[in-house]
Every structure is written in structure tokens, then in C-alpha cells.
């Protein structure tokens, strides 16, 4: 029997956790669904990642209101993907921050990505009628910027290409805590369909060089303590390399996309088959790995139609 397309068969509600990762720092997680970070300053709150809809964003806000009544002043979006950004209007933040590269991707492919992800994740887009449109930043940066929430310093930087070309991470130096977006995952498959495999490892090295005491990853549990942080970084590295290497070997000998699919499955299934959204991600990951190995530097735009065609070719 063919697998249900992407996450269309995943309709069960996930258990929400709201974990402290440092003083005034929290990770909103939900069993492999997209995570959101919370940074509480002296005067206001910064949110990291908006969720897919205002309805989901209000679940984050409910958790925030359980620990502080300070206003939400800033929203940082680590990249452009719809499941991360389309809930932005619920927060009422005065500033919405993205990297320059992430904003450029909204211009280039934001609507196509929304249409694509809407079909892939029906559960996450319940309440989509409230979404007012594409989410645009009020402020962008090239390499790095600093925001002060009162006395609390928050550094936002572009550490390199990985999950997308415009990835940002958020560093809170007084607690040595980092919010990594989807550059780092924990027991959840990395989505690599818009990724840059050859750069991802160096970007992970940049994150590791900060020696974070804790990390709030893009998906999966909050990572508290050096051992968990190292485990997650190295596991993410293994996932990315284990996806790219087999596909690159097939591409180098002129093999087909389907041969690359078989080679990646042989390498990755024994290690990662039980990870959240593994089967969902796999066709998109293999297609992008095969393209990059053949010299296509800029990921091709995913559309709802291309999604279905790729799924049928590989998972059908």
C-alpha cells in the first residue's frame, strides 16, 4: 500500500512541553512538531519561531503567560518556511526579524512554500483561515545583529547555510543558550529539501564552537547540558552526511534518482527510521541531495504539484 502523502496521515494531537533551558529561557516543544523559543528580558519577551497558524501561536502565548506578563516585543524567524512563520500575526510583536537571505527567499518562493506545506501538514494548518498573508520582517540583518531586552543581550547571527540559505541562530550569552532553528534536530528527521549539504557540517561546527550549555532545537526535546548538546549536534551531522553521501555516489556514476533513493534508504533506515517525520522528509531530502551532488547549488522551488510528483515517483 502506498504511504499517505507527507504528513497527511498524521492527524493525532501532540503533547506540548514547555521546558526551561536557562533563566528566563524556554522551549515550547510538541513531540517532533516545530518548536518555538521564548526569551524573557527585563522589559519584554522575544519569541523565536511563530508556528504555522495564529491558532498554534496562541498555544505558545498561553505557555508564555504562565511564566510572565511582559509584552511580546520581538519575533525572530530563523528561516522562511511556512510552518515557522505564518502564525506571526498572533504575537503582536513590534519587530519581526529575519536574515536578509531569508527575506529574499520569502520574495522568491514564499507563496509556493505556503501552498506546498499546506498540503503536506494538514494538522498544523488547522485554523489557516486566520493567516493574513505572507509574513514579512520589519528588520533584517546580513551577518549578525544584537537586540537588548532591557539589560539582557540577545545576539542573532547567520552562521552559514544548512537547512536553508538564510538560517539564523539566536544566542543568549548570559546563559550560554542557543536557539538553532532546524539546523539542529533531536530524534527528528532533518528536512533537507531546501538545504545545503556541503555547508551544513561547517555550520554545525560554528554552533559547537559557542559551547552552548543548552540548545532549543528546531524539532525534538530541549537539550540541557553539554552531553545532550553534543549528542544532538553529532546526530544531526550523521543524518545529513548519511543522506548526502549515498546520493552523491550514485550521482557521480550517472545513476538515477531512484537509485539514489534506494542507496539513501539502505544507509539511513537502520539508524533513523523511527525518527519523527522521517518518511515525510525522505523524498524531498533525496531529491535535493541528488541535485546538489550534480552541481545544482540553489535548491529548486517546491510547489504543491512538484511535491506530489516526487512523492509518487519515490514513495508511491
C-alpha atoms as a PDB file:
ATOM      1  CA  UNK A   1       0.000   0.000   0.000  1.00  0.00           C
ATOM      2  CA  UNK A   2       1.315   3.472  -0.880  1.00  0.00           C
ATOM      3  CA  UNK A   3       2.137   5.708   2.062  1.00  0.00           C
ATOM      4  CA  UNK A   4      -0.138   8.678   2.788  1.00  0.00           C
ATOM      5  CA  UNK A   5       1.367  11.794   1.239  1.00  0.00           C
ATOM      6  CA  UNK A   6       3.857  13.597   3.509  1.00  0.00           C
ATOM      7  CA  UNK A   7       2.152  14.116   6.924  1.00  0.00           C
ATOM      8  CA  UNK A   8      -1.454  13.853   5.721  1.00  0.00           C
ATOM      9  CA  UNK A   9      -1.874  10.692   7.774  1.00  0.00           C
ATOM     10  CA  UNK A  10      -0.520  12.293  10.963  1.00  0.00           C
ATOM     11  CA  UNK A  11      -3.665  13.763  12.486  1.00  0.00           C
ATOM     12  CA  UNK A  12      -3.223  13.000  16.195  1.00  0.00           C
ATOM     13  CA  UNK A  13      -2.619  15.894  18.565  1.00  0.00           C
ATOM     14  CA  UNK A  14       0.852  16.064  20.101  1.00  0.00           C
ATOM     15  CA  UNK A  15       1.675  16.519  23.771  1.00  0.00           C
ATOM     16  CA  UNK A  16       3.030  20.006  24.407  1.00  0.00           C
ATOM     17  CA  UNK A  17       6.010  20.560  26.708  1.00  0.00           C
ATOM     18  CA  UNK A  18       7.311  23.906  27.929  1.00  0.00           C
ATOM     19  CA  UNK A  19      10.798  23.370  29.277  1.00  0.00           C
ATOM     20  CA  UNK A  20      13.193  25.764  30.944  1.00  0.00           C
ATOM     21  CA  UNK A  21      16.564  25.846  29.168  1.00  0.00           C
ATOM     22  CA  UNK A  22      18.056  28.724  31.192  1.00  0.00           C
ATOM     23  CA  UNK A  23      16.951  31.575  33.426  1.00  0.00           C
ATOM     24  CA  UNK A  24      14.069  33.242  31.637  1.00  0.00           C
ATOM     25  CA  UNK A  25      14.537  30.952  28.615  1.00  0.00           C
ATOM     26  CA  UNK A  26      12.070  28.302  27.472  1.00  0.00           C
ATOM     27  CA  UNK A  27      11.485  25.790  24.684  1.00  0.00           C
ATOM     28  CA  UNK A  28       7.953  25.040  23.513  1.00  0.00           C
ATOM     29  CA  UNK A  29       8.053  21.519  22.032  1.00  0.00           C
ATOM     30  CA  UNK A  30       5.437  19.032  20.829  1.00  0.00           C
ATOM     31  CA  UNK A  31       6.740  15.540  20.067  1.00  0.00           C
ATOM     32  CA  UNK A  32       8.536  16.383  16.826  1.00  0.00           C
ATOM     33  CA  UNK A  33       6.294  19.235  15.679  1.00  0.00           C
ATOM     34  CA  UNK A  34       8.006  22.599  15.072  1.00  0.00           C
ATOM     35  CA  UNK A  35       9.436  24.145  18.240  1.00  0.00           C
ATOM     36  CA  UNK A  36       9.255  27.743  19.461  1.00  0.00           C
ATOM     37  CA  UNK A  37      11.691  29.529  21.787  1.00  0.00           C
ATOM     38  CA  UNK A  38      10.938  32.121  24.448  1.00  0.00           C
ATOM     39  CA  UNK A  39      13.431  34.698  25.751  1.00  0.00           C
ATOM     40  CA  UNK A  40      12.289  36.842  28.661  1.00  0.00           C
ATOM     41  CA  UNK A  41      14.116  40.117  29.155  1.00  0.00           C
ATOM     42  CA  UNK A  42      13.826  42.797  31.827  1.00  0.00           C
ATOM     43  CA  UNK A  43      11.129  44.673  29.954  1.00  0.00           C
ATOM     44  CA  UNK A  44       9.715  42.406  27.258  1.00  0.00           C
ATOM     45  CA  UNK A  45       9.726  38.992  25.588  1.00  0.00           C
ATOM     46  CA  UNK A  46      11.290  37.740  22.358  1.00  0.00           C
ATOM     47  CA  UNK A  47       9.720  34.761  20.571  1.00  0.00           C
ATOM     48  CA  UNK A  48      11.800  32.536  18.289  1.00  0.00           C
ATOM     49  CA  UNK A  49       9.652  30.921  15.535  1.00  0.00           C
ATOM     50  CA  UNK A  50       5.993  31.792  15.085  1.00  0.00           C
ATOM     51  CA  UNK A  51       4.331  28.390  14.411  1.00  0.00           C
ATOM     52  CA  UNK A  52       2.212  27.656  11.343  1.00  0.00           C
ATOM     53  CA  UNK A  53      -1.002  29.490  12.265  1.00  0.00           C
ATOM     54  CA  UNK A  54      -2.290  32.050  14.767  1.00  0.00           C
ATOM     55  CA  UNK A  55      -4.212  29.201  16.410  1.00  0.00           C
ATOM     56  CA  UNK A  56      -0.991  27.326  17.169  1.00  0.00           C
ATOM     57  CA  UNK A  57       0.757  30.563  18.148  1.00  0.00           C
ATOM     58  CA  UNK A  58      -1.851  31.130  20.840  1.00  0.00           C
ATOM     59  CA  UNK A  59      -0.812  27.834  22.433  1.00  0.00           C
ATOM     60  CA  UNK A  60       2.676  29.285  22.745  1.00  0.00           C
ATOM     61  CA  UNK A  61       1.289  32.536  24.141  1.00  0.00           C
ATOM     62  CA  UNK A  62      -0.703  30.596  26.762  1.00  0.00           C
ATOM     63  CA  UNK A  63       2.545  28.984  27.946  1.00  0.00           C
ATOM     64  CA  UNK A  64       4.324  32.348  27.977  1.00  0.00           C
ATOM     65  CA  UNK A  65       1.555  33.863  30.089  1.00  0.00           C
ATOM     66  CA  UNK A  66       2.091  31.079  32.603  1.00  0.00           C
ATOM     67  CA  UNK A  67       5.566  32.479  33.379  1.00  0.00           C
ATOM     68  CA  UNK A  68       5.430  36.216  32.603  1.00  0.00           C
ATOM     69  CA  UNK A  69       3.027  39.049  31.841  1.00  0.00           C
ATOM     70  CA  UNK A  70       5.654  41.119  29.996  1.00  0.00           C
ATOM     71  CA  UNK A  71       4.705  42.212  26.485  1.00  0.00           C
ATOM     72  CA  UNK A  72       5.983  40.368  23.421  1.00  0.00           C
ATOM     73  CA  UNK A  73       8.136  42.928  21.626  1.00  0.00           C
ATOM     74  CA  UNK A  74      10.224  40.869  19.169  1.00  0.00           C
ATOM     75  CA  UNK A  75       9.686  37.830  16.953  1.00  0.00           C
ATOM     76  CA  UNK A  76      12.722  36.206  15.325  1.00  0.00           C
ATOM     77  CA  UNK A  77      12.190  33.839  12.411  1.00  0.00           C
ATOM     78  CA  UNK A  78      15.154  31.559  11.761  1.00  0.00           C
ATOM     79  CA  UNK A  79      14.103  30.915   8.143  1.00  0.00           C
ATOM     80  CA  UNK A  80      11.213  31.317   5.722  1.00  0.00           C
ATOM     81  CA  UNK A  81       9.305  28.001   5.905  1.00  0.00           C
ATOM     82  CA  UNK A  82       5.549  28.376   6.283  1.00  0.00           C
ATOM     83  CA  UNK A  83       5.229  26.141   9.357  1.00  0.00           C
ATOM     84  CA  UNK A  84       7.633  28.513  11.128  1.00  0.00           C
ATOM     85  CA  UNK A  85       6.332  31.916  10.125  1.00  0.00           C
ATOM     86  CA  UNK A  86       2.626  32.092   9.254  1.00  0.00           C
ATOM     87  CA  UNK A  87       1.420  32.336  12.867  1.00  0.00           C
ATOM     88  CA  UNK A  88       3.277  35.631  13.330  1.00  0.00           C
ATOM     89  CA  UNK A  89       0.243  37.918  13.496  1.00  0.00           C
ATOM     90  CA  UNK A  90      -0.926  36.415  16.804  1.00  0.00           C
ATOM     91  CA  UNK A  91       2.014  37.772  18.801  1.00  0.00           C
ATOM     92  CA  UNK A  92       1.548  41.463  18.097  1.00  0.00           C
ATOM     93  CA  UNK A  93       5.323  41.933  18.123  1.00  0.00           C
ATOM     94  CA  UNK A  94       6.564  45.370  17.129  1.00  0.00           C
ATOM     95  CA  UNK A  95       9.624  43.910  15.403  1.00  0.00           C
ATOM     96  CA  UNK A  96       9.835  40.812  13.212  1.00  0.00           C
ATOM     97  CA  UNK A  97      13.424  39.840  12.405  1.00  0.00           C
ATOM     98  CA  UNK A  98      14.860  37.663   9.616  1.00  0.00           C
ATOM     99  CA  UNK A  99      18.180  37.470   7.846  1.00  0.00           C
ATOM    100  CA  UNK A 100      18.444  39.288   4.524  1.00  0.00           C
ATOM    101  CA  UNK A 101      18.751  35.922   2.797  1.00  0.00           C
ATOM    102  CA  UNK A 102      15.605  34.577   4.473  1.00  0.00           C
ATOM    103  CA  UNK A 103      13.609  37.625   3.391  1.00  0.00           C
ATOM    104  CA  UNK A 104      14.854  37.168  -0.158  1.00  0.00           C
ATOM    105  CA  UNK A 105      13.539  33.616  -0.051  1.00  0.00           C
ATOM    106  CA  UNK A 106      10.107  34.854   1.007  1.00  0.00           C
ATOM    107  CA  UNK A 107      10.153  37.052  -2.096  1.00  0.00           C
ATOM    108  CA  UNK A 108      11.386  34.242  -4.336  1.00  0.00           C
ATOM    109  CA  UNK A 109       9.388  31.261  -3.056  1.00  0.00           C
ATOM    110  CA  UNK A 110       7.234  32.213  -0.067  1.00  0.00           C
ATOM    111  CA  UNK A 111       3.848  31.636  -1.666  1.00  0.00           C
ATOM    112  CA  UNK A 112       4.924  28.388  -3.300  1.00  0.00           C
ATOM    113  CA  UNK A 113       6.254  27.167   0.042  1.00  0.00           C
ATOM    114  CA  UNK A 114       2.979  28.062   1.781  1.00  0.00           C
ATOM    115  CA  UNK A 115       0.966  26.144  -0.806  1.00  0.00           C
ATOM    116  CA  UNK A 116       3.379  23.221  -0.583  1.00  0.00           C
ATOM    117  CA  UNK A 117       3.432  22.954   3.202  1.00  0.00           C
ATOM    118  CA  UNK A 118      -0.323  23.451   3.478  1.00  0.00           C
ATOM    119  CA  UNK A 119      -0.783  20.200   1.564  1.00  0.00           C
ATOM    120  CA  UNK A 120       1.964  18.391   3.462  1.00  0.00           C
ATOM    121  CA  UNK A 121       0.841  19.263   7.034  1.00  0.00           C
ATOM    122  CA  UNK A 122      -2.978  19.466   7.280  1.00  0.00           C
ATOM    123  CA  UNK A 123      -2.991  19.131  11.080  1.00  0.00           C
ATOM    124  CA  UNK A 124      -0.570  22.023  11.564  1.00  0.00           C
ATOM    125  CA  UNK A 125      -2.655  24.285   9.335  1.00  0.00           C
ATOM    126  CA  UNK A 126      -5.950  23.888  11.156  1.00  0.00           C
ATOM    127  CA  UNK A 127      -7.267  27.423  11.572  1.00  0.00           C
ATOM    128  CA  UNK A 128      -5.413  28.599   8.469  1.00  0.00           C
ATOM    129  CA  UNK A 129      -8.288  30.983   7.675  1.00  0.00           C
ATOM    130  CA  UNK A 130      -6.823  33.423  10.222  1.00  0.00           C
ATOM    131  CA  UNK A 131      -3.484  33.755   8.408  1.00  0.00           C
ATOM    132  CA  UNK A 132      -3.459  37.296   6.961  1.00  0.00           C
ATOM    133  CA  UNK A 133      -0.849  36.578   4.273  1.00  0.00           C
ATOM    134  CA  UNK A 134       2.855  36.017   3.897  1.00  0.00           C
ATOM    135  CA  UNK A 135       4.951  37.048   6.896  1.00  0.00           C
ATOM    136  CA  UNK A 136       7.399  39.878   6.195  1.00  0.00           C
ATOM    137  CA  UNK A 137      10.148  41.086   8.525  1.00  0.00           C
ATOM    138  CA  UNK A 138      10.259  44.646   9.810  1.00  0.00           C
ATOM    139  CA  UNK A 139      14.026  44.321  10.295  1.00  0.00           C
ATOM    140  CA  UNK A 140      16.748  42.268   8.584  1.00  0.00           C
ATOM    141  CA  UNK A 141      20.469  41.691   9.036  1.00  0.00           C
ATOM    142  CA  UNK A 142      23.284  40.344   6.910  1.00  0.00           C
ATOM    143  CA  UNK A 143      25.729  38.575   9.234  1.00  0.00           C
ATOM    144  CA  UNK A 144      24.728  39.441  12.800  1.00  0.00           C
ATOM    145  CA  UNK A 145      22.794  41.870  14.956  1.00  0.00           C
ATOM    146  CA  UNK A 146      22.198  42.435  18.665  1.00  0.00           C
ATOM    147  CA  UNK A 147      18.933  43.185  20.435  1.00  0.00           C
ATOM    148  CA  UNK A 148      18.704  44.310  24.057  1.00  0.00           C
ATOM    149  CA  UNK A 149      15.628  43.292  26.015  1.00  0.00           C
ATOM    150  CA  UNK A 150      16.377  45.771  28.770  1.00  0.00           C
ATOM    151  CA  UNK A 151      19.750  44.603  30.100  1.00  0.00           C
ATOM    152  CA  UNK A 152      19.518  41.158  28.504  1.00  0.00           C
ATOM    153  CA  UNK A 153      21.625  40.890  25.362  1.00  0.00           C
ATOM    154  CA  UNK A 154      20.448  38.657  22.517  1.00  0.00           C
ATOM    155  CA  UNK A 155      22.732  38.025  19.534  1.00  0.00           C
ATOM    156  CA  UNK A 156      21.153  36.939  16.249  1.00  0.00           C
ATOM    157  CA  UNK A 157      23.505  35.628  13.585  1.00  0.00           C
ATOM    158  CA  UNK A 158      23.675  33.825  10.276  1.00  0.00           C
ATOM    159  CA  UNK A 159      26.173  31.006  10.937  1.00  0.00           C
ATOM    160  CA  UNK A 160      26.171  29.653   7.381  1.00  0.00           C
ATOM    161  CA  UNK A 161      23.957  27.709   5.030  1.00  0.00           C
ATOM    162  CA  UNK A 162      22.406  24.488   6.288  1.00  0.00           C
ATOM    163  CA  UNK A 163      18.652  23.824   6.467  1.00  0.00           C
ATOM    164  CA  UNK A 164      18.182  26.810   4.118  1.00  0.00           C
ATOM    165  CA  UNK A 165      20.407  29.517   2.673  1.00  0.00           C
ATOM    166  CA  UNK A 166      19.177  32.072   5.195  1.00  0.00           C
ATOM    167  CA  UNK A 167      19.295  30.248   8.534  1.00  0.00           C
ATOM    168  CA  UNK A 168      19.643  32.287  11.710  1.00  0.00           C
ATOM    169  CA  UNK A 169      20.525  31.214  15.244  1.00  0.00           C
ATOM    170  CA  UNK A 170      19.864  33.129  18.452  1.00  0.00           C
ATOM    171  CA  UNK A 171      22.489  33.241  21.218  1.00  0.00           C
ATOM    172  CA  UNK A 172      21.774  34.389  24.765  1.00  0.00           C
ATOM    173  CA  UNK A 173      25.260  34.926  26.216  1.00  0.00           C
ATOM    174  CA  UNK A 174      24.350  35.431  29.871  1.00  0.00           C
ATOM    175  CA  UNK A 175      23.041  31.824  29.980  1.00  0.00           C
ATOM    176  CA  UNK A 176      25.099  30.379  27.091  1.00  0.00           C
ATOM    177  CA  UNK A 177      21.912  29.101  25.453  1.00  0.00           C
ATOM    178  CA  UNK A 178      21.290  28.860  21.717  1.00  0.00           C
ATOM    179  CA  UNK A 179      18.088  28.581  19.693  1.00  0.00           C
ATOM    180  CA  UNK A 180      19.175  26.857  16.482  1.00  0.00           C
ATOM    181  CA  UNK A 181      16.062  26.517  14.364  1.00  0.00           C
ATOM    182  CA  UNK A 182      16.201  23.483  12.075  1.00  0.00           C
ATOM    183  CA  UNK A 183      19.985  23.463  11.772  1.00  0.00           C
ATOM    184  CA  UNK A 184      19.939  21.092  14.774  1.00  0.00           C
ATOM    185  CA  UNK A 185      17.233  18.486  15.423  1.00  0.00           C
ATOM    186  CA  UNK A 186      16.813  15.884  18.146  1.00  0.00           C
ATOM    187  CA  UNK A 187      15.318  12.493  17.273  1.00  0.00           C
ATOM    188  CA  UNK A 188      13.503  14.119  14.396  1.00  0.00           C
ATOM    189  CA  UNK A 189      14.467  13.839  10.754  1.00  0.00           C
ATOM    190  CA  UNK A 190      16.191  16.877   9.277  1.00  0.00           C
ATOM    191  CA  UNK A 191      14.206  18.332   6.395  1.00  0.00           C
ATOM    192  CA  UNK A 192      16.840  18.882   3.705  1.00  0.00           C
ATOM    193  CA  UNK A 193      14.648  19.683   0.714  1.00  0.00           C
ATOM    194  CA  UNK A 194      15.860  23.299   0.691  1.00  0.00           C
ATOM    195  CA  UNK A 195      19.199  22.525   2.282  1.00  0.00           C
ATOM    196  CA  UNK A 196      22.888  22.829   1.537  1.00  0.00           C
ATOM    197  CA  UNK A 197      24.530  19.536   2.429  1.00  0.00           C
ATOM    198  CA  UNK A 198      28.122  20.560   1.708  1.00  0.00           C
ATOM    199  CA  UNK A 199      27.841  23.565   4.056  1.00  0.00           C
ATOM    200  CA  UNK A 200      25.804  22.020   6.862  1.00  0.00           C
ATOM    201  CA  UNK A 201      28.733  20.426   8.706  1.00  0.00           C
ATOM    202  CA  UNK A 202      30.719  23.664   8.895  1.00  0.00           C
ATOM    203  CA  UNK A 203      27.616  25.452  10.163  1.00  0.00           C
ATOM    204  CA  UNK A 204      27.265  22.842  12.902  1.00  0.00           C
ATOM    205  CA  UNK A 205      30.938  23.449  13.756  1.00  0.00           C
ATOM    206  CA  UNK A 206      30.195  27.151  14.160  1.00  0.00           C
ATOM    207  CA  UNK A 207      27.376  26.350  16.568  1.00  0.00           C
ATOM    208  CA  UNK A 208      29.507  23.873  18.528  1.00  0.00           C
ATOM    209  CA  UNK A 209      32.272  26.478  18.888  1.00  0.00           C
ATOM    210  CA  UNK A 210      29.964  28.522  21.124  1.00  0.00           C
ATOM    211  CA  UNK A 211      29.975  25.563  23.559  1.00  0.00           C
ATOM    212  CA  UNK A 212      26.284  26.037  24.411  1.00  0.00           C
ATOM    213  CA  UNK A 213      25.136  24.972  27.861  1.00  0.00           C
ATOM    214  CA  UNK A 214      21.714  24.244  26.334  1.00  0.00           C
ATOM    215  CA  UNK A 215      20.087  24.247  22.914  1.00  0.00           C
ATOM    216  CA  UNK A 216      16.470  24.606  21.880  1.00  0.00           C
ATOM    217  CA  UNK A 217      16.480  22.708  18.555  1.00  0.00           C
ATOM    218  CA  UNK A 218      14.088  23.069  15.640  1.00  0.00           C
ATOM    219  CA  UNK A 219      12.259  19.856  16.455  1.00  0.00           C
ATOM    220  CA  UNK A 220      12.527  17.420  19.338  1.00  0.00           C
ATOM    221  CA  UNK A 221      13.219  17.777  23.037  1.00  0.00           C
ATOM    222  CA  UNK A 222      15.021  20.687  24.640  1.00  0.00           C
ATOM    223  CA  UNK A 223      18.715  19.869  25.077  1.00  0.00           C
ATOM    224  CA  UNK A 224      20.038  20.775  28.507  1.00  0.00           C
ATOM    225  CA  UNK A 225      23.671  20.132  29.356  1.00  0.00           C
ATOM    226  CA  UNK A 226      26.830  19.722  27.295  1.00  0.00           C
ATOM    227  CA  UNK A 227      26.336  15.982  26.760  1.00  0.00           C
ATOM    228  CA  UNK A 228      22.878  16.402  25.211  1.00  0.00           C
ATOM    229  CA  UNK A 229      24.050  19.339  23.105  1.00  0.00           C
ATOM    230  CA  UNK A 230      26.973  17.360  21.686  1.00  0.00           C
ATOM    231  CA  UNK A 231      24.792  14.304  21.079  1.00  0.00           C
ATOM    232  CA  UNK A 232      22.267  16.333  19.088  1.00  0.00           C
ATOM    233  CA  UNK A 233      24.864  18.166  17.009  1.00  0.00           C
ATOM    234  CA  UNK A 234      26.709  14.977  16.104  1.00  0.00           C
ATOM    235  CA  UNK A 235      23.494  13.076  15.430  1.00  0.00           C
ATOM    236  CA  UNK A 236      22.336  15.851  13.108  1.00  0.00           C
ATOM    237  CA  UNK A 237      25.706  15.725  11.350  1.00  0.00           C
ATOM    238  CA  UNK A 238      25.366  11.966  10.898  1.00  0.00           C
ATOM    239  CA  UNK A 239      21.853  12.332   9.474  1.00  0.00           C
ATOM    240  CA  UNK A 240      22.933  14.942   6.944  1.00  0.00           C
ATOM    241  CA  UNK A 241      26.053  13.071   5.837  1.00  0.00           C
ATOM    242  CA  UNK A 242      24.252   9.727   5.729  1.00  0.00           C
ATOM    243  CA  UNK A 243      21.714  11.261   3.368  1.00  0.00           C
ATOM    244  CA  UNK A 244      24.160  13.049   1.098  1.00  0.00           C
ATOM    245  CA  UNK A 245      26.985  10.527   0.721  1.00  0.00           C
ATOM    246  CA  UNK A 246      24.974   7.685  -0.857  1.00  0.00           C
ATOM    247  CA  UNK A 247      23.127  10.064  -3.179  1.00  0.00           C
ATOM    248  CA  UNK A 248      26.415  11.683  -4.225  1.00  0.00           C
ATOM    249  CA  UNK A 249      27.988   8.309  -5.024  1.00  0.00           C
ATOM    250  CA  UNK A 250      25.040   7.410  -7.245  1.00  0.00           C
ATOM    251  CA  UNK A 251      25.097  10.819  -8.972  1.00  0.00           C
ATOM    252  CA  UNK A 252      28.860  10.561  -9.583  1.00  0.00           C
ATOM    253  CA  UNK A 253      28.438   7.380 -11.620  1.00  0.00           C
ATOM    254  CA  UNK A 254      25.472   8.769 -13.552  1.00  0.00           C
ATOM    255  CA  UNK A 255      22.883   6.768 -11.650  1.00  0.00           C
ATOM    256  CA  UNK A 256      19.209   7.678 -11.443  1.00  0.00           C
ATOM    257  CA  UNK A 257      17.232   9.448  -8.727  1.00  0.00           C
ATOM    258  CA  UNK A 258      15.517   6.158  -7.896  1.00  0.00           C
ATOM    259  CA  UNK A 259      18.919   4.509  -7.439  1.00  0.00           C
ATOM    260  CA  UNK A 260      19.884   7.377  -5.117  1.00  0.00           C
ATOM    261  CA  UNK A 261      16.649   6.790  -3.180  1.00  0.00           C
ATOM    262  CA  UNK A 262      17.480   3.115  -2.703  1.00  0.00           C
ATOM    263  CA  UNK A 263      21.049   3.930  -1.613  1.00  0.00           C
ATOM    264  CA  UNK A 264      19.946   6.538   0.913  1.00  0.00           C
ATOM    265  CA  UNK A 265      17.313   4.219   2.356  1.00  0.00           C
ATOM    266  CA  UNK A 266      19.909   1.479   2.785  1.00  0.00           C
ATOM    267  CA  UNK A 267      22.136   3.870   4.724  1.00  0.00           C
ATOM    268  CA  UNK A 268      19.540   5.791   6.731  1.00  0.00           C
ATOM    269  CA  UNK A 269      16.709   3.349   7.509  1.00  0.00           C
ATOM    270  CA  UNK A 270      18.690   1.309  10.061  1.00  0.00           C
ATOM    271  CA  UNK A 271      19.626   4.452  12.006  1.00  0.00           C
ATOM    272  CA  UNK A 272      16.768   6.896  11.582  1.00  0.00           C
ATOM    273  CA  UNK A 273      13.572   5.097  10.521  1.00  0.00           C
ATOM    274  CA  UNK A 274      11.911   5.722  13.900  1.00  0.00           C
ATOM    275  CA  UNK A 275      12.576   9.483  13.864  1.00  0.00           C
ATOM    276  CA  UNK A 276       9.699  11.937  13.685  1.00  0.00           C
ATOM    277  CA  UNK A 277       8.708  12.903  10.091  1.00  0.00           C
ATOM    278  CA  UNK A 278      11.345  10.548   8.648  1.00  0.00           C
ATOM    279  CA  UNK A 279       9.208   9.113   5.847  1.00  0.00           C
ATOM    280  CA  UNK A 280       7.768  12.563   5.160  1.00  0.00           C
ATOM    281  CA  UNK A 281      11.202  14.128   4.671  1.00  0.00           C
ATOM    282  CA  UNK A 282      12.912  11.346   2.771  1.00  0.00           C
ATOM    283  CA  UNK A 283      11.761  12.000  -0.832  1.00  0.00           C
ATOM    284  CA  UNK A 284      12.497  15.719  -0.537  1.00  0.00           C
ATOM    285  CA  UNK A 285      15.874  15.027   1.079  1.00  0.00           C
ATOM    286  CA  UNK A 286      16.962  12.540  -1.569  1.00  0.00           C
ATOM    287  CA  UNK A 287      15.842  14.802  -4.407  1.00  0.00           C
ATOM    288  CA  UNK A 288      17.814  17.729  -3.019  1.00  0.00           C
ATOM    289  CA  UNK A 289      20.905  15.600  -2.265  1.00  0.00           C
ATOM    290  CA  UNK A 290      20.854  14.238  -5.806  1.00  0.00           C
ATOM    291  CA  UNK A 291      20.519  17.744  -7.250  1.00  0.00           C
ATOM    292  CA  UNK A 292      23.324  19.183  -5.129  1.00  0.00           C
ATOM    293  CA  UNK A 293      25.616  16.292  -5.995  1.00  0.00           C
ATOM    294  CA  UNK A 294      25.022  17.107  -9.677  1.00  0.00           C
ATOM    295  CA  UNK A 295      26.062  20.739  -9.147  1.00  0.00           C
ATOM    296  CA  UNK A 296      22.693  22.462  -8.603  1.00  0.00           C
ATOM    297  CA  UNK A 297      23.640  24.928  -5.873  1.00  0.00           C
ATOM    298  CA  UNK A 298      20.317  26.713  -5.392  1.00  0.00           C
ATOM    299  CA  UNK A 299      17.529  24.354  -4.302  1.00  0.00           C
ATOM    300  CA  UNK A 300      14.729  24.100  -6.823  1.00  0.00           C
ATOM    301  CA  UNK A 301      11.436  25.578  -5.636  1.00  0.00           C
ATOM    302  CA  UNK A 302       8.987  23.055  -4.235  1.00  0.00           C
ATOM    303  CA  UNK A 303       5.423  23.515  -5.395  1.00  0.00           C
ATOM    304  CA  UNK A 304       2.331  21.547  -4.427  1.00  0.00           C
ATOM    305  CA  UNK A 305       2.442  19.866  -7.843  1.00  0.00           C
ATOM    306  CA  UNK A 306       6.154  19.043  -7.704  1.00  0.00           C
ATOM    307  CA  UNK A 307       5.680  17.626  -4.188  1.00  0.00           C
ATOM    308  CA  UNK A 308       3.061  15.154  -5.380  1.00  0.00           C
ATOM    309  CA  UNK A 309       5.094  14.119  -8.415  1.00  0.00           C
ATOM    310  CA  UNK A 310       8.203  13.491  -6.292  1.00  0.00           C
ATOM    311  CA  UNK A 311       6.221  11.566  -3.702  1.00  0.00           C
ATOM    312  CA  UNK A 312       4.631   9.354  -6.344  1.00  0.00           C
ATOM    313  CA  UNK A 313       7.993   8.694  -8.015  1.00  0.00           C
ATOM    314  CA  UNK A 314       9.748   7.699  -4.780  1.00  0.00           C
ATOM    315  CA  UNK A 315       7.218   6.803  -2.087  1.00  0.00           C
ATOM    316  CA  UNK A 316       4.369   5.709  -4.368  1.00  0.00           C
END
